Amino acid sequence: MKPWTRWQDWVALVVGVYALLSPIWTETNTGAMWALIILGAVLALVSLWSLAQPGMVAAEWAHALVGLVLFLSPWLFGYADMTGAAWTSWIAGAIALITGLLAVPQSNSAHRAAMQH
């Protein structure tokens, strides 16, 4: 697989940037703001890593893990009662988790193909 072509990583990159910027237009408390900024930035960076190195299976698992933490963050950081911030985390986290898991088989194939050469 060529770098910069996997759709799942592009989706995760957009979702990460959205989460990172969402405190601008979404009501947050301190925990929600920092969770969205940090986890959004980490998701965007991991997505760039996955896009640049499509055979790096660890990047896809990291992508899925960040999605899981983002999904759980309203409960972990105490903002489940803040509708906008919580729903942003739940939706962004679910999308990141699902796209990360969907990309794992493709990343495994790219990794195996690279190892044969």
C-alpha atoms as a PDB file:
ATOM      1  CA  MET A   1       0.000   0.000   0.000  1.00  0.00           C
ATOM      2  CA  LYS A   2       1.252   3.450  -0.880  1.00  0.00           C
ATOM      3  CA  PRO A   3       1.721   6.075   1.822  1.00  0.00           C
ATOM      4  CA  TRP A   4      -0.955   8.756   2.244  1.00  0.00           C
ATOM      5  CA  THR A   5      -3.732   6.661   0.659  1.00  0.00           C
ATOM      6  CA  ARG A   6      -5.596   4.827   3.444  1.00  0.00           C
ATOM      7  CA  TRP A   7      -9.037   6.385   3.864  1.00  0.00           C
ATOM      8  CA  GLN A   8      -9.368   5.277   7.497  1.00  0.00           C
ATOM      9  CA  ASP A   9      -6.342   7.348   8.483  1.00  0.00           C
ATOM     10  CA  TRP A  10      -7.624  10.411   6.633  1.00  0.00           C
ATOM     11  CA  VAL A  11     -10.945  10.107   8.480  1.00  0.00           C
ATOM     12  CA  ALA A  12      -9.121   9.798  11.803  1.00  0.00           C
ATOM     13  CA  LEU A  13      -6.969  12.825  10.972  1.00  0.00           C
ATOM     14  CA  VAL A  14     -10.061  14.961  10.322  1.00  0.00           C
ATOM     15  CA  VAL A  15     -11.717  13.648  13.492  1.00  0.00           C
ATOM     16  CA  GLY A  16      -8.582  14.398  15.523  1.00  0.00           C
ATOM     17  CA  VAL A  17      -8.389  17.963  14.237  1.00  0.00           C
ATOM     18  CA  TYR A  18     -12.124  18.394  14.901  1.00  0.00           C
ATOM     19  CA  ALA A  19     -11.723  17.171  18.502  1.00  0.00           C
ATOM     20  CA  LEU A  20      -8.641  19.350  18.974  1.00  0.00           C
ATOM     21  CA  LEU A  21     -10.501  22.477  17.856  1.00  0.00           C
ATOM     22  CA  SER A  22     -13.929  21.651  19.326  1.00  0.00           C
ATOM     23  CA  PRO A  23     -13.424  23.565  22.603  1.00  0.00           C
ATOM     24  CA  ILE A  24     -13.606  26.738  20.485  1.00  0.00           C
ATOM     25  CA  TRP A  25     -17.328  26.187  19.754  1.00  0.00           C
ATOM     26  CA  THR A  26     -18.348  23.651  22.415  1.00  0.00           C
ATOM     27  CA  GLU A  27     -19.001  24.471  26.048  1.00  0.00           C
ATOM     28  CA  THR A  28     -16.368  22.725  28.163  1.00  0.00           C
ATOM     29  CA  ASN A  29     -14.923  22.638  31.627  1.00  0.00           C
ATOM     30  CA  THR A  30     -11.183  22.370  32.241  1.00  0.00           C
ATOM     31  CA  GLY A  31     -11.130  18.560  32.060  1.00  0.00           C
ATOM     32  CA  ALA A  32     -13.148  18.449  28.845  1.00  0.00           C
ATOM     33  CA  MET A  33     -11.092  21.167  27.201  1.00  0.00           C
ATOM     34  CA  TRP A  34      -7.754  19.517  27.886  1.00  0.00           C
ATOM     35  CA  ALA A  35      -9.007  16.012  27.090  1.00  0.00           C
ATOM     36  CA  LEU A  36     -10.332  17.137  23.705  1.00  0.00           C
ATOM     37  CA  ILE A  37      -7.227  19.181  22.876  1.00  0.00           C
ATOM     38  CA  ILE A  38      -4.674  16.558  23.928  1.00  0.00           C
ATOM     39  CA  LEU A  39      -6.493  13.473  22.640  1.00  0.00           C
ATOM     40  CA  GLY A  40      -7.423  15.258  19.407  1.00  0.00           C
ATOM     41  CA  ALA A  41      -3.795  16.252  18.851  1.00  0.00           C
ATOM     42  CA  VAL A  42      -2.544  12.734  19.640  1.00  0.00           C
ATOM     43  CA  LEU A  43      -5.123  11.218  17.279  1.00  0.00           C
ATOM     44  CA  ALA A  44      -4.100  13.612  14.497  1.00  0.00           C
ATOM     45  CA  LEU A  45      -0.399  12.818  15.014  1.00  0.00           C
ATOM     46  CA  VAL A  46      -0.989   9.055  15.106  1.00  0.00           C
ATOM     47  CA  SER A  47      -3.070   9.373  11.933  1.00  0.00           C
ATOM     48  CA  LEU A  48      -0.220  11.187  10.197  1.00  0.00           C
ATOM     49  CA  TRP A  49       2.138   8.412  11.341  1.00  0.00           C
ATOM     50  CA  SER A  50      -0.250   5.794   9.928  1.00  0.00           C
ATOM     51  CA  LEU A  51      -0.588   7.678   6.648  1.00  0.00           C
ATOM     52  CA  ALA A  52       3.174   8.040   6.244  1.00  0.00           C
ATOM     53  CA  GLN A  53       3.960   4.418   7.147  1.00  0.00           C
ATOM     54  CA  PRO A  54       1.032   2.229   6.056  1.00  0.00           C
ATOM     55  CA  GLY A  55       2.797  -0.996   7.077  1.00  0.00           C
ATOM     56  CA  MET A  56       3.276   0.122  10.679  1.00  0.00           C
ATOM     57  CA  VAL A  57       0.693  -2.035  12.445  1.00  0.00           C
ATOM     58  CA  ALA A  58       1.425  -0.451  15.829  1.00  0.00           C
ATOM     59  CA  ALA A  59       0.222   2.895  14.490  1.00  0.00           C
ATOM     60  CA  GLU A  60      -3.212   1.446  13.731  1.00  0.00           C
ATOM     61  CA  TRP A  61      -3.498  -0.104  17.172  1.00  0.00           C
ATOM     62  CA  ALA A  62      -2.430   3.239  18.692  1.00  0.00           C
ATOM     63  CA  HIS A  63      -5.067   4.952  16.537  1.00  0.00           C
ATOM     64  CA  ALA A  64      -7.747   2.576  17.905  1.00  0.00           C
ATOM     65  CA  LEU A  65      -6.506   2.976  21.494  1.00  0.00           C
ATOM     66  CA  VAL A  66      -6.653   6.778  21.306  1.00  0.00           C
ATOM     67  CA  GLY A  67     -10.193   6.418  19.955  1.00  0.00           C
ATOM     68  CA  LEU A  68     -11.146   4.244  22.922  1.00  0.00           C
ATOM     69  CA  VAL A  69      -9.662   6.714  25.425  1.00  0.00           C
ATOM     70  CA  LEU A  70     -11.410   9.600  23.650  1.00  0.00           C
ATOM     71  CA  PHE A  71     -14.718   7.699  23.849  1.00  0.00           C
ATOM     72  CA  LEU A  72     -14.233   7.047  27.581  1.00  0.00           C
ATOM     73  CA  SER A  73     -12.903  10.525  28.398  1.00  0.00           C
ATOM     74  CA  PRO A  74     -16.242  12.088  29.462  1.00  0.00           C
ATOM     75  CA  TRP A  75     -16.359   9.595  32.333  1.00  0.00           C
ATOM     76  CA  LEU A  76     -12.610   9.590  32.965  1.00  0.00           C
ATOM     77  CA  PHE A  77     -12.333  13.384  33.138  1.00  0.00           C
ATOM     78  CA  GLY A  78     -15.741  14.224  34.610  1.00  0.00           C
ATOM     79  CA  TYR A  79     -17.638  15.895  31.808  1.00  0.00           C
ATOM     80  CA  ALA A  80     -20.296  13.334  30.902  1.00  0.00           C
ATOM     81  CA  ASP A  81     -22.945  15.882  31.946  1.00  0.00           C
ATOM     82  CA  MET A  82     -21.681  18.464  29.413  1.00  0.00           C
ATOM     83  CA  THR A  83     -23.753  17.457  26.407  1.00  0.00           C
ATOM     84  CA  GLY A  84     -21.734  19.070  23.609  1.00  0.00           C
ATOM     85  CA  ALA A  85     -18.298  18.061  24.839  1.00  0.00           C
ATOM     86  CA  ALA A  86     -19.424  14.565  25.830  1.00  0.00           C
ATOM     87  CA  TRP A  87     -21.117  13.855  22.494  1.00  0.00           C
ATOM     88  CA  THR A  88     -18.093  15.201  20.641  1.00  0.00           C
ATOM     89  CA  SER A  89     -15.899  12.754  22.571  1.00  0.00           C
ATOM     90  CA  TRP A  90     -18.261   9.819  22.132  1.00  0.00           C
ATOM     91  CA  ILE A  91     -18.747  10.288  18.395  1.00  0.00           C
ATOM     92  CA  ALA A  92     -15.123  11.188  17.633  1.00  0.00           C
ATOM     93  CA  GLY A  93     -13.877   8.339  19.818  1.00  0.00           C
ATOM     94  CA  ALA A  94     -16.196   5.789  18.214  1.00  0.00           C
ATOM     95  CA  ILE A  95     -15.195   6.878  14.704  1.00  0.00           C
ATOM     96  CA  ALA A  96     -11.498   6.740  15.601  1.00  0.00           C
ATOM     97  CA  LEU A  97     -11.824   3.333  17.267  1.00  0.00           C
ATOM     98  CA  ILE A  98     -13.773   1.828  14.355  1.00  0.00           C
ATOM     99  CA  THR A  99     -11.529   3.261  11.631  1.00  0.00           C
ATOM    100  CA  GLY A 100      -8.429   2.157  13.530  1.00  0.00           C
ATOM    101  CA  LEU A 101      -9.704  -1.402  13.806  1.00  0.00           C
ATOM    102  CA  LEU A 102     -10.757  -1.407  10.144  1.00  0.00           C
ATOM    103  CA  ALA A 103      -7.239  -0.355   9.119  1.00  0.00           C
ATOM    104  CA  VAL A 104      -5.427  -3.109  11.051  1.00  0.00           C
ATOM    105  CA  PRO A 105      -5.907  -5.860   8.402  1.00  0.00           C
ATOM    106  CA  GLN A 106      -4.695  -3.542   5.614  1.00  0.00           C
ATOM    107  CA  SER A 107      -1.716  -2.521   7.702  1.00  0.00           C
ATOM    108  CA  ASN A 108      -0.896  -6.181   8.392  1.00  0.00           C
ATOM    109  CA  SER A 109      -1.008  -6.905   4.646  1.00  0.00           C
ATOM    110  CA  ALA A 110       1.235  -3.927   3.876  1.00  0.00           C
ATOM    111  CA  HIS A 111       3.643  -5.032   6.603  1.00  0.00           C
ATOM    112  CA  ARG A 112       3.812  -8.603   5.259  1.00  0.00           C
ATOM    113  CA  ALA A 113       4.343  -7.335   1.701  1.00  0.00           C
ATOM    114  CA  ALA A 114       7.183  -5.082   2.857  1.00  0.00           C
ATOM    115  CA  MET A 115       8.825  -7.961   4.739  1.00  0.00           C
ATOM    116  CA  GLN A 116       8.862 -10.136   1.596  1.00  0.00           C
ATOM    117  CA  HIS A 117      10.998  -7.649  -0.324  1.00  0.00           C
END
